[in-house]
Structure formats: C-alpha cells, structure tokens
C-alpha atoms as a PDB file:
ATOM      1  CA  MET A   1      84.654 167.339  -3.249  1.00  0.00           C
ATOM      2  CA  ALA A   2      82.625 164.323  -4.337  1.00  0.00           C
ATOM      3  CA  PHE A   3      81.996 163.254  -0.736  1.00  0.00           C
ATOM      4  CA  ARG A   4      80.352 166.600   0.046  1.00  0.00           C
ATOM      5  CA  ASP A   5      78.045 166.010  -2.921  1.00  0.00           C
ATOM      6  CA  GLU A   6      76.772 162.859  -1.193  1.00  0.00           C
ATOM      7  CA  LEU A   7      75.601 164.973   1.735  1.00  0.00           C
ATOM      8  CA  ALA A   8      73.853 167.478  -0.558  1.00  0.00           C
ATOM      9  CA  ASP A   9      71.145 164.896  -1.293  1.00  0.00           C
ATOM     10  CA  PHE A  10      70.726 163.686   2.261  1.00  0.00           C
ATOM     11  CA  ALA A  11      67.702 161.525   1.443  1.00  0.00           C
ATOM     12  CA  SER A  12      69.737 159.489  -1.050  1.00  0.00           C
ATOM     13  CA  PHE A  13      72.654 159.350   1.378  1.00  0.00           C
ATOM     14  CA  TYR A  14      70.314 158.033   4.086  1.00  0.00           C
ATOM     15  CA  GLU A  15      68.793 155.445   1.785  1.00  0.00           C
ATOM     16  CA  SER A  16      72.142 154.141   0.539  1.00  0.00           C
ATOM     17  CA  THR A  17      73.843 153.963   3.952  1.00  0.00           C
ATOM     18  CA  TYR A  18      71.056 153.079   6.397  1.00  0.00           C
ATOM     19  CA  GLN A  19      71.438 149.271   6.398  1.00  0.00           C
ATOM     20  CA  GLY A  20      75.181 149.425   7.075  1.00  0.00           C
ATOM     21  CA  ALA A  21      74.744 152.065   9.774  1.00  0.00           C
ATOM     22  CA  PHE A  22      71.951 150.080  11.445  1.00  0.00           C
ATOM     23  CA  ARG A  23      73.947 146.855  11.417  1.00  0.00           C
ATOM     24  CA  THR A  24      76.917 148.643  12.940  1.00  0.00           C
ATOM     25  CA  ALA A  25      74.708 150.006  15.727  1.00  0.00           C
ATOM     26  CA  LEU A  26      73.097 146.572  16.178  1.00  0.00           C
ATOM     27  CA  ALA A  27      76.442 144.824  16.544  1.00  0.00           C
ATOM     28  CA  ILE A  28      77.355 147.234  19.328  1.00  0.00           C
ATOM     29  CA  MET A  29      73.946 147.632  21.004  1.00  0.00           C
ATOM     30  CA  ARG A  30      72.807 143.991  20.617  1.00  0.00           C
ATOM     31  CA  GLU A  31      69.135 145.027  20.615  1.00  0.00           C
ATOM     32  CA  PRO A  32      67.261 145.975  17.411  1.00  0.00           C
ATOM     33  CA  GLY A  33      64.998 148.651  18.916  1.00  0.00           C
ATOM     34  CA  ALA A  34      67.881 150.453  20.614  1.00  0.00           C
ATOM     35  CA  ALA A  35      70.028 150.099  17.477  1.00  0.00           C
ATOM     36  CA  SER A  36      67.259 151.636  15.377  1.00  0.00           C
ATOM     37  CA  ASP A  37      66.983 154.567  17.796  1.00  0.00           C
ATOM     38  CA  ILE A  38      70.751 155.054  17.822  1.00  0.00           C
ATOM     39  CA  THR A  39      70.872 154.935  14.022  1.00  0.00           C
ATOM     40  CA  GLN A  40      68.140 157.548  13.719  1.00  0.00           C
ATOM     41  CA  ASP A  41      69.894 159.756  16.298  1.00  0.00           C
ATOM     42  CA  ALA A  42      73.131 159.426  14.338  1.00  0.00           C
ATOM     43  CA  TYR A  43      71.461 160.542  11.106  1.00  0.00           C
ATOM     44  CA  VAL A  44      69.878 163.525  12.858  1.00  0.00           C
ATOM     45  CA  LYS A  45      73.298 164.461  14.238  1.00  0.00           C
ATOM     46  CA  ALA A  46      74.939 163.948  10.829  1.00  0.00           C
ATOM     47  CA  TYR A  47      72.329 166.118   9.142  1.00  0.00           C
ATOM     48  CA  ARG A  48      72.666 168.893  11.691  1.00  0.00           C
ATOM     49  CA  GLU A  49      76.455 168.798  11.527  1.00  0.00           C
ATOM     50  CA  ARG A  50      76.932 168.076   7.808  1.00  0.00           C
ATOM     51  CA  HIS A  51      78.650 171.457   7.420  1.00  0.00           C
ATOM     52  CA  ARG A  52      81.432 170.113   9.692  1.00  0.00           C
ATOM     53  CA  PHE A  53      82.290 167.235   7.369  1.00  0.00           C
ATOM     54  CA  ARG A  54      85.848 167.962   6.191  1.00  0.00           C
ATOM     55  CA  GLY A  55      85.908 165.579   3.254  1.00  0.00           C
ATOM     56  CA  ASP A  56      89.183 163.900   4.274  1.00  0.00           C
ATOM     57  CA  ALA A  57      87.566 160.442   4.406  1.00  0.00           C
ATOM     58  CA  PRO A  58      84.564 158.789   2.771  1.00  0.00           C
ATOM     59  CA  VAL A  59      81.304 160.228   4.046  1.00  0.00           C
ATOM     60  CA  ALA A  60      80.146 156.728   5.091  1.00  0.00           C
ATOM     61  CA  ALA A  61      83.169 156.470   7.410  1.00  0.00           C
ATOM     62  CA  TRP A  62      82.244 159.859   8.896  1.00  0.00           C
ATOM     63  CA  LEU A  63      78.704 158.563   9.478  1.00  0.00           C
ATOM     64  CA  HIS A  64      80.031 155.345  11.027  1.00  0.00           C
ATOM     65  CA  ARG A  65      82.080 157.375  13.484  1.00  0.00           C
ATOM     66  CA  ILE A  66      78.886 159.088  14.626  1.00  0.00           C
ATOM     67  CA  VAL A  67      77.020 155.751  14.814  1.00  0.00           C
ATOM     68  CA  VAL A  68      79.824 154.067  16.772  1.00  0.00           C
ATOM     69  CA  ASN A  69      80.121 156.949  19.241  1.00  0.00           C
ATOM     70  CA  GLU A  70      76.348 157.104  19.765  1.00  0.00           C
ATOM     71  CA  ALA A  71      76.084 153.317  20.163  1.00  0.00           C
ATOM     72  CA  ILE A  72      78.955 153.031  22.635  1.00  0.00           C
ATOM     73  CA  SER A  73      77.410 155.869  24.667  1.00  0.00           C
ATOM     74  CA  GLY A  74      74.061 154.090  24.467  1.00  0.00           C
ATOM     75  CA  VAL A  75      75.536 150.840  25.782  1.00  0.00           C
ATOM     76  CA  ARG A  76      77.048 152.683  28.733  1.00  0.00           C
ATOM     77  CA  LYS A  77      73.672 154.240  29.588  1.00  0.00           C
ATOM     78  CA  ARG A  78      71.685 151.016  29.267  1.00  0.00           C
ATOM     79  CA  SER A  79      71.381 148.299  31.846  1.00  0.00           C
ATOM     80  CA  ARG A  80      73.189 145.085  31.026  1.00  0.00           C
ATOM     81  CA  GLY A  81      70.297 142.727  31.769  1.00  0.00           C
ATOM     82  CA  PRO A  82      69.800 139.620  29.646  1.00  0.00           C
ATOM     83  CA  ARG A  83      68.110 140.187  26.303  1.00  0.00           C
ATOM     84  CA  GLU A  84      66.385 137.587  24.201  1.00  0.00           C
ATOM     85  CA  ILE A  85      66.785 138.719  20.608  1.00  0.00           C
ATOM     86  CA  ASP A  86      67.022 136.968  17.303  1.00  0.00           C
ATOM     87  CA  MET A  87      70.219 138.414  15.859  1.00  0.00           C
ATOM     88  CA  GLY A  88      69.705 136.470  12.632  1.00  0.00           C
ATOM     89  CA  THR A  89      66.409 138.171  11.926  1.00  0.00           C
ATOM     90  CA  ALA A  90      67.813 141.552  12.938  1.00  0.00           C
ATOM     91  CA  TRP A  91      70.791 141.133  10.576  1.00  0.00           C
ATOM     92  CA  GLY A  92      68.715 139.528   7.839  1.00  0.00           C
ATOM     93  CA  VAL A  93      70.521 136.173   8.137  1.00  0.00           C
ATOM     94  CA  THR A  94      68.242 133.440   6.914  1.00  0.00           C
ATOM     95  CA  ALA A  95      68.989 129.957   5.752  1.00  0.00           C
ATOM     96  CA  GLY A  96      67.976 129.098   2.225  1.00  0.00           C
ATOM     97  CA  PRO A  97      67.846 125.571   0.837  1.00  0.00           C
ATOM     98  CA  GLY A  98      71.242 123.894   1.138  1.00  0.00           C
ATOM     99  CA  GLU A  99      72.639 126.761   3.172  1.00  0.00           C
ATOM    100  CA  VAL A 100      71.684 125.883   6.737  1.00  0.00           C
ATOM    101  CA  GLY A 101      75.284 125.384   7.900  1.00  0.00           C
ATOM    102  CA  GLY A 102      76.450 128.757   6.579  1.00  0.00           C
ATOM    103  CA  ALA A 103      73.548 130.605   8.193  1.00  0.00           C
ATOM    104  CA  ALA A 104      74.148 128.784  11.483  1.00  0.00           C
ATOM    105  CA  ASP A 105      77.820 129.762  11.349  1.00  0.00           C
ATOM    106  CA  ARG A 106      76.911 133.409  10.734  1.00  0.00           C
ATOM    107  CA  LEU A 107      74.433 133.332  13.634  1.00  0.00           C
ATOM    108  CA  SER A 108      77.079 131.806  15.907  1.00  0.00           C
ATOM    109  CA  VAL A 109      79.456 134.642  15.063  1.00  0.00           C
ATOM    110  CA  LEU A 110      76.760 137.255  15.705  1.00  0.00           C
ATOM    111  CA  ASP A 111      75.967 135.685  19.076  1.00  0.00           C
ATOM    112  CA  ALA A 112      79.658 135.421  19.957  1.00  0.00           C
ATOM    113  CA  LEU A 113      80.071 139.182  19.490  1.00  0.00           C
ATOM    114  CA  GLU A 114      78.325 139.526  22.868  1.00  0.00           C
ATOM    115  CA  VAL A 115      81.569 138.562  24.668  1.00  0.00           C
ATOM    116  CA  LEU A 116      83.405 141.567  23.213  1.00  0.00           C
ATOM    117  CA  THR A 117      83.392 145.122  24.506  1.00  0.00           C
ATOM    118  CA  PRO A 118      81.332 147.611  22.489  1.00  0.00           C
ATOM    119  CA  GLN A 119      84.514 149.154  21.038  1.00  0.00           C
ATOM    120  CA  ALA A 120      85.821 145.717  20.043  1.00  0.00           C
ATOM    121  CA  ARG A 121      82.464 144.843  18.423  1.00  0.00           C
ATOM    122  CA  ALA A 122      82.657 148.120  16.507  1.00  0.00           C
ATOM    123  CA  ALA A 123      86.190 147.361  15.306  1.00  0.00           C
ATOM    124  CA  VAL A 124      85.223 143.852  14.134  1.00  0.00           C
ATOM    125  CA  VAL A 125      82.140 145.089  12.276  1.00  0.00           C
ATOM    126  CA  LEU A 126      83.976 148.019  10.704  1.00  0.00           C
ATOM    127  CA  ARG A 127      86.786 145.745   9.495  1.00  0.00           C
ATOM    128  CA  TYR A 128      84.985 142.573   8.488  1.00  0.00           C
ATOM    129  CA  TYR A 129      81.527 143.837   7.538  1.00  0.00           C
ATOM    130  CA  HIS A 130      82.339 147.264   6.097  1.00  0.00           C
ATOM    131  CA  ASP A 131      85.878 146.326   4.976  1.00  0.00           C
ATOM    132  CA  TYR A 132      87.498 149.519   6.283  1.00  0.00           C
ATOM    133  CA  ASP A 133      91.275 149.609   6.576  1.00  0.00           C
ATOM    134  CA  TYR A 134      92.992 150.084   9.946  1.00  0.00           C
ATOM    135  CA  ALA A 135      93.596 153.811   9.372  1.00  0.00           C
ATOM    136  CA  THR A 136      89.905 154.479   8.691  1.00  0.00           C
ATOM    137  CA  ILE A 137      88.831 152.388  11.687  1.00  0.00           C
ATOM    138  CA  ALA A 138      91.339 154.289  13.809  1.00  0.00           C
ATOM    139  CA  ARG A 139      89.769 157.609  12.730  1.00  0.00           C
ATOM    140  CA  ILE A 140      86.278 156.271  13.482  1.00  0.00           C
ATOM    141  CA  LEU A 141      87.247 154.927  16.913  1.00  0.00           C
ATOM    142  CA  GLY A 142      89.522 157.846  17.774  1.00  0.00           C
ATOM    143  CA  THR A 143      92.656 155.748  18.256  1.00  0.00           C
ATOM    144  CA  SER A 144      95.760 154.718  16.315  1.00  0.00           C
ATOM    145  CA  ALA A 145      95.975 152.121  13.550  1.00  0.00           C
ATOM    146  CA  GLY A 146      98.338 150.096  15.773  1.00  0.00           C
ATOM    147  CA  ASN A 147      95.730 150.015  18.535  1.00  0.00           C
ATOM    148  CA  VAL A 148      93.126 148.898  15.994  1.00  0.00           C
ATOM    149  CA  GLY A 149      95.382 146.014  14.968  1.00  0.00           C
ATOM    150  CA  ALA A 150      95.893 144.971  18.590  1.00  0.00           C
ATOM    151  CA  LEU A 151      92.160 145.307  19.331  1.00  0.00           C
ATOM    152  CA  LEU A 152      91.248 143.182  16.315  1.00  0.00           C
ATOM    153  CA  THR A 153      93.831 140.538  17.178  1.00  0.00           C
ATOM    154  CA  ARG A 154      92.541 140.246  20.758  1.00  0.00           C
ATOM    155  CA  SER A 155      88.936 140.296  19.558  1.00  0.00           C
ATOM    156  CA  LEU A 156      89.464 137.571  16.966  1.00  0.00           C
ATOM    157  CA  ASP A 157      91.300 135.420  19.513  1.00  0.00           C
ATOM    158  CA  ARG A 158      88.381 135.839  21.919  1.00  0.00           C
ATOM    159  CA  LEU A 159      85.849 135.026  19.204  1.00  0.00           C
ATOM    160  CA  LYS A 160      87.842 131.967  18.142  1.00  0.00           C
ATOM    161  CA  THR A 161      87.844 130.712  21.732  1.00  0.00           C
ATOM    162  CA  GLU A 162      84.120 131.404  22.015  1.00  0.00           C
ATOM    163  CA  LEU A 163      83.315 129.616  18.748  1.00  0.00           C
ATOM    164  CA  GLU A 164      85.519 126.540  19.231  1.00  0.00           C
ATOM    165  CA  PRO A 165      83.534 123.391  19.905  1.00  0.00           C
ATOM    166  CA  PRO A 166      84.069 121.888  23.349  1.00  0.00           C
ATOM    167  CA  PRO A 167      86.700 119.149  23.487  1.00  0.00           C
ATOM    168  CA  ALA A 168      85.425 115.606  23.106  1.00  0.00           C
ATOM    169  CA  GLY A 169      84.602 114.016  26.429  1.00  0.00           C
ATOM    170  CA  SER A 170      84.320 117.363  28.220  1.00  0.00           C
ATOM    171  CA  GLY A 171      80.759 116.659  29.289  1.00  0.00           C
ATOM    172  CA  VAL A 172      79.452 119.645  27.353  1.00  0.00           C
ATOM    173  CA  ASP A 173      76.504 118.760  25.126  1.00  0.00           C
ATOM    174  CA  ASP A 174      77.626 119.284  21.545  1.00  0.00           C
ATOM    175  CA  GLY A 175      74.347 118.046  20.061  1.00  0.00           C
ATOM    176  CA  ARG A 176      75.645 114.600  19.118  1.00  0.00           C
ATOM    177  CA  VAL A 177      73.802 111.485  20.142  1.00  0.00           C
ATOM    178  CA  GLU A 178      75.899 108.697  21.570  1.00  0.00           C
ATOM    179  CA  VAL A 179      74.775 105.190  20.642  1.00  0.00           C
ATOM    180  CA  ARG A 180      75.633 102.457  23.113  1.00  0.00           C
ATOM    181  CA  ASP A 181      75.325  98.735  22.738  1.00  0.00           C
ATOM    182  CA  VAL A 182      73.221  97.588  25.684  1.00  0.00           C
ATOM    183  CA  ARG A 183      73.417  93.812  25.107  1.00  0.00           C
END
C-alpha cells in the first residue's frame, strides 16, 4: 500500500500537503487565522487516526475530507460578521509585471466564493484547485457523484452571475470614466 507509506513519514506528508490543505480550509473558512487553526486541527486528527486510513483513495483525499469536515464545522460555530481579509495575500496571489489582469481575475473569483455555502466552496476548490474527480469529491463530502455534479453546476452558475459585469447603463459604477462634451 503506497498510500500507507506516505503516512509512515508524517513530517514529509505534512510538508508536501500543507499548502493545499490550508487553501482548502481558507476557501471554506474565509479567514486565514481560522483556516490555519482548522488545518492544524485536521493534521492532529489525521495523525491520531492514521491507523484508520483504509488506503482505498489517495491519502491527500483522505486528508481533504478531514479538512473539509473540520472547516464546515468551524463555519457553523463561528459568527458570520463581516471580515476584512486580503484573500490574494492569503492564497499567495500576487500580480507580477504584465499580469495584473490575471491576478485581478483570480482575486475576483476568490472574493466571489463568499456567496457560496461552505460545502459548495469545498466542492469548487476540490474540483478546480485540487483537480479531484466527482467520485473522489463525493467521498470527501459524503455524498454521491451525481450530487457533486449538481452542486458544482449550481455553484458555477452562481459564481458566473456574481462575476458578470453590470449591464451598461445600469447605474452601477464599473470603474469607467465617462467623457462628456460640455460645449
């Protein structure tokens, strides 16, 4: 069982999976400090329960199930007050020369995740950040692959609506300056 071997050297496992686990928790929790705490709690739980790992899926997927469950529980326990956080810094999204538009697009997507439920955020991150298939996501979320597909479809529709620019003439400031001839 190669996956069990990954757990034998837990320090290496931690080092190689921490960033992905943290970003998963961050996408759900939406607050870096809480996501860091959740990630650490998940690793403690994984270490304590490593003997329960069955080896029927990649060990990273097993870890992500723990992270997702801990994060969703954490969201339920936390108050939903407004939080001012820089998701770009938390995710390591920075704009290099000539790449400002791409970084801004990534930041918009990260901010738009806020409109989704914690489970929907988890599904989106597991699919589009970690590239898990529907069956693996279903195991992580404790649902069926069909439900994952429906959840992702609804989530992407909601994100698309959230990210669409306002229609021209709607009165919503889109950052453009209108020049008028005042002669």
